[in-house]
Amino acid sequence: MIDLQNLESSIVVIYNDHYLDVYRFLVCFTGNQNDAEDLTQEVFIRVLKNLSNYNSGHKLKTWIFSIAKHVAIDHYRKKRFASVFKDGFFKQLASNDKKPNEAFEITEMKQFVHDAIAKLKPSYRSVVILRGINEFSVKETSEILQCSEAKVKVDYHRALKDLKRKLNIDTEEVLINAK
C-alpha cells in the first residue's frame, strides 16, 4: 500500500526544489512568461505521472530537466518559432533603483541577447540555456539533453561562436547579459 501522506510531502519537496529552475529554463526556451508557466506545470504533471519510473541511478534534477526539455521541444514543434521573446518578459527584470536610461539600456541588451539566442537552432539554444545561463555542468547538460559530453562541448562552442557572430560582441558578455 502506498503511503499517500509521504508521497504528497515528497512531491511538494520536489516541486519546491526544482520549480524555479525549470521555470527559468522554459522562459529562456520559449521567451514567453505565460507559456513558461503552463509548460512548467506540464513538466511537474509529467514528473508526478512518471515518478514511479524514475531511475534513482540518475540525479533527480537531470531527470526533471530531461522532461522539461521534451516539454519545451513539444511546445516548439507546435508553435514552430512563432515569435520567440516578443513579449519582453525580461523588460520586467530591470531594477527600479537604476536611472531610467541605464535600466532601458540593460533591458534593450537583454532583449537583444535573448532575440539572438532565440534565433539559434533548438539544440544550440538548449545547450546555451543550460550551460551558459543556468550554469549546468557538461555532464548534467549531457544527461538532460541525452547526448554525449563531447556533443555538449561542441554544440556549446559552436553556439557561442554563432552568437558572437550574430551579436558582434564577446560571448561571456552575452551570457552575463542573458541572466
Protein backbone atom coordinates (compact mmCIF):
# COMPACT_ATOMS: atom_id res chain seq x y z
CA MET A 1 0.00 0.00 0.00
CA ILE A 2 1.30 3.46 -0.92
CA ASP A 3 1.77 5.96 1.89
CA LEU A 4 -0.12 8.90 0.35
CA GLN A 5 0.90 11.39 3.02
CA ASN A 6 4.60 10.59 2.49
CA LEU A 7 4.18 10.70 -1.30
CA GLU A 8 2.42 14.06 -1.10
CA SER A 9 5.18 15.58 1.04
CA SER A 10 7.82 14.20 -1.36
CA ILE A 11 6.06 15.78 -4.32
CA VAL A 12 5.87 19.12 -2.53
CA VAL A 13 9.61 18.97 -1.78
CA ILE A 14 10.44 18.05 -5.39
CA TYR A 15 8.26 20.86 -6.70
CA ASN A 16 9.68 23.47 -4.31
CA ASP A 17 13.27 22.42 -5.00
CA HIS A 18 13.03 22.49 -8.79
CA TYR A 19 10.15 24.76 -9.83
CA LEU A 20 12.14 27.97 -10.26
CA ASP A 21 14.98 26.37 -12.24
CA VAL A 22 12.55 24.62 -14.58
CA TYR A 23 10.53 27.80 -14.98
CA ARG A 24 13.64 29.85 -15.83
CA PHE A 25 14.74 27.24 -18.37
CA LEU A 26 11.33 27.32 -20.02
CA VAL A 27 11.19 31.13 -20.03
CA CYS A 28 14.54 31.18 -21.80
CA PHE A 29 13.47 28.46 -24.21
CA THR A 30 10.04 29.86 -25.07
CA GLY A 31 10.60 33.54 -24.42
CA ASN A 32 7.10 33.82 -23.05
CA GLN A 33 6.24 34.02 -19.37
CA ASN A 34 2.72 32.66 -19.81
CA ASP A 35 3.88 29.73 -21.94
CA ALA A 36 6.66 29.01 -19.43
CA GLU A 37 4.16 28.92 -16.56
CA ASP A 38 1.92 26.50 -18.45
CA LEU A 39 4.83 24.33 -19.56
CA THR A 40 6.30 24.26 -16.05
CA GLN A 41 3.00 22.90 -14.78
CA GLU A 42 3.06 20.33 -17.59
CA VAL A 43 6.58 19.29 -16.55
CA PHE A 44 5.52 18.64 -12.98
CA ILE A 45 2.38 16.81 -14.10
CA ARG A 46 4.64 14.51 -16.14
CA VAL A 47 7.02 14.17 -13.18
CA LEU A 48 4.13 13.13 -10.98
CA LYS A 49 2.79 10.67 -13.56
CA ASN A 50 6.22 9.12 -14.13
CA LEU A 51 7.64 9.25 -10.61
CA SER A 52 7.32 5.50 -10.32
CA ASN A 53 9.52 5.14 -13.44
CA TYR A 54 12.29 7.35 -12.05
CA ASN A 55 15.67 5.61 -12.11
CA SER A 56 17.44 6.54 -8.88
CA GLY A 57 20.75 5.95 -10.67
CA HIS A 58 20.35 9.41 -12.21
CA LYS A 59 20.11 12.72 -10.42
CA LEU A 60 16.51 13.77 -9.90
CA LYS A 61 17.36 17.24 -11.20
CA THR A 62 18.67 15.93 -14.53
CA TRP A 63 15.64 13.66 -14.90
CA ILE A 64 13.28 16.60 -14.33
CA PHE A 65 15.21 18.76 -16.78
CA SER A 66 15.09 15.99 -19.33
CA ILE A 67 11.31 16.07 -19.03
CA ALA A 68 11.38 19.88 -19.27
CA LYS A 69 13.48 19.65 -22.43
CA HIS A 70 10.94 17.29 -24.02
CA VAL A 71 8.04 19.51 -22.99
CA ALA A 72 9.84 22.52 -24.47
CA ILE A 73 10.57 20.70 -27.73
CA ASP A 74 6.96 19.56 -27.98
CA HIS A 75 5.86 23.16 -27.48
CA TYR A 76 8.39 24.37 -30.03
CA ARG A 77 7.11 21.90 -32.59
CA LYS A 78 3.56 23.10 -32.02
CA LYS A 79 4.38 26.79 -32.34
CA ARG A 80 7.20 26.49 -34.90
CA PHE A 81 9.14 29.52 -33.81
CA ALA A 82 6.14 31.85 -33.95
CA SER A 83 7.59 34.91 -32.32
CA VAL A 84 10.06 33.97 -29.63
CA PHE A 85 10.89 36.55 -26.95
CA LYS A 86 8.44 39.11 -28.33
CA ASP A 87 6.54 39.88 -25.13
CA GLY A 88 9.55 41.44 -23.42
CA PHE A 89 9.46 39.41 -20.20
CA PHE A 90 13.00 40.48 -19.44
CA LYS A 91 11.93 44.14 -19.50
CA GLN A 92 10.22 43.40 -16.20
CA LEU A 93 13.55 42.41 -14.68
CA ALA A 94 15.07 45.88 -14.92
CA SER A 95 15.90 47.20 -11.48
CA ASN A 96 13.94 50.18 -10.17
CA ASP A 97 16.98 51.67 -8.40
CA LYS A 98 18.78 52.41 -11.68
CA LYS A 99 18.43 55.59 -13.67
CA PRO A 100 15.78 55.24 -16.39
CA ASN A 101 18.33 55.41 -19.21
CA GLU A 102 20.52 52.73 -17.56
CA ALA A 103 17.51 50.47 -16.99
CA PHE A 104 16.45 50.97 -20.61
CA GLU A 105 19.94 50.09 -21.90
CA ILE A 106 20.05 46.94 -19.76
CA THR A 107 16.56 45.96 -20.92
CA GLU A 108 17.47 46.54 -24.54
CA MET A 109 20.67 44.48 -24.21
CA LYS A 110 18.77 41.61 -22.59
CA GLN A 111 16.18 41.73 -25.35
CA PHE A 112 18.92 41.80 -27.98
CA VAL A 113 20.69 38.80 -26.41
CA HIS A 114 17.51 36.78 -25.99
CA ASP A 115 16.47 37.53 -29.55
CA ALA A 116 19.84 36.22 -30.73
CA ILE A 117 19.52 33.10 -28.54
CA ALA A 118 16.03 32.55 -29.94
CA LYS A 119 17.44 32.52 -33.46
CA LEU A 120 19.80 29.64 -32.66
CA LYS A 121 18.71 26.20 -33.76
CA PRO A 122 16.95 24.36 -30.89
CA SER A 123 19.87 22.09 -29.97
CA TYR A 124 22.22 25.08 -29.70
CA ARG A 125 19.60 27.09 -27.82
CA SER A 126 19.12 24.31 -25.27
CA VAL A 127 22.82 23.93 -24.62
CA VAL A 128 23.34 27.70 -24.28
CA ILE A 129 20.46 27.99 -21.82
CA LEU A 130 21.58 25.01 -19.75
CA ARG A 131 25.35 25.64 -19.79
CA GLY A 132 25.61 29.41 -20.17
CA ILE A 133 22.58 30.75 -18.36
CA ASN A 134 21.65 28.02 -15.84
CA GLU A 135 25.33 27.06 -15.37
CA PHE A 136 24.84 23.29 -15.50
CA SER A 137 27.97 21.17 -15.82
CA VAL A 138 28.83 19.44 -19.10
CA LYS A 139 27.83 16.12 -17.52
CA GLU A 140 24.46 17.40 -16.27
CA THR A 141 23.75 19.01 -19.63
CA SER A 142 24.60 15.81 -21.49
CA GLU A 143 22.25 13.83 -19.22
CA ILE A 144 19.42 16.33 -19.69
CA LEU A 145 19.86 16.51 -23.46
CA GLN A 146 20.54 12.76 -23.67
CA CYS A 147 23.70 13.14 -25.72
CA SER A 148 27.43 12.70 -25.20
CA GLU A 149 29.53 15.18 -23.24
CA ALA A 150 31.58 15.72 -26.39
CA LYS A 151 28.43 16.79 -28.29
CA VAL A 152 27.55 19.22 -25.49
CA LYS A 153 31.02 20.76 -25.68
CA VAL A 154 30.97 21.01 -29.47
CA ASP A 155 27.42 22.38 -29.64
CA TYR A 156 28.15 24.89 -26.87
CA HIS A 157 31.30 26.07 -28.62
CA ARG A 158 29.50 26.38 -31.96
CA ALA A 159 26.50 28.10 -30.39
CA LEU A 160 28.72 30.68 -28.67
CA LYS A 161 30.62 31.23 -31.90
CA ASP A 162 27.31 31.75 -33.72
CA LEU A 163 26.08 34.14 -31.02
CA LYS A 164 29.33 36.06 -31.14
CA ARG A 165 28.97 36.42 -34.89
CA LYS A 166 25.32 37.49 -34.64
CA LEU A 167 25.90 39.97 -31.84
CA ASN A 168 29.41 41.05 -32.77
CA ILE A 169 30.40 41.10 -29.08
CA ASP A 170 32.24 38.90 -26.58
CA THR A 171 30.25 35.72 -25.74
CA GLU A 172 31.00 36.00 -22.00
CA GLU A 173 29.25 39.37 -22.08
CA VAL A 174 26.36 37.72 -23.94
CA LEU A 175 25.74 35.14 -21.22
CA ILE A 176 26.09 37.66 -18.39
CA ASN A 177 23.53 39.91 -20.07
CA ALA A 178 21.15 36.99 -20.64
CA LYS A 179 20.78 36.33 -16.91
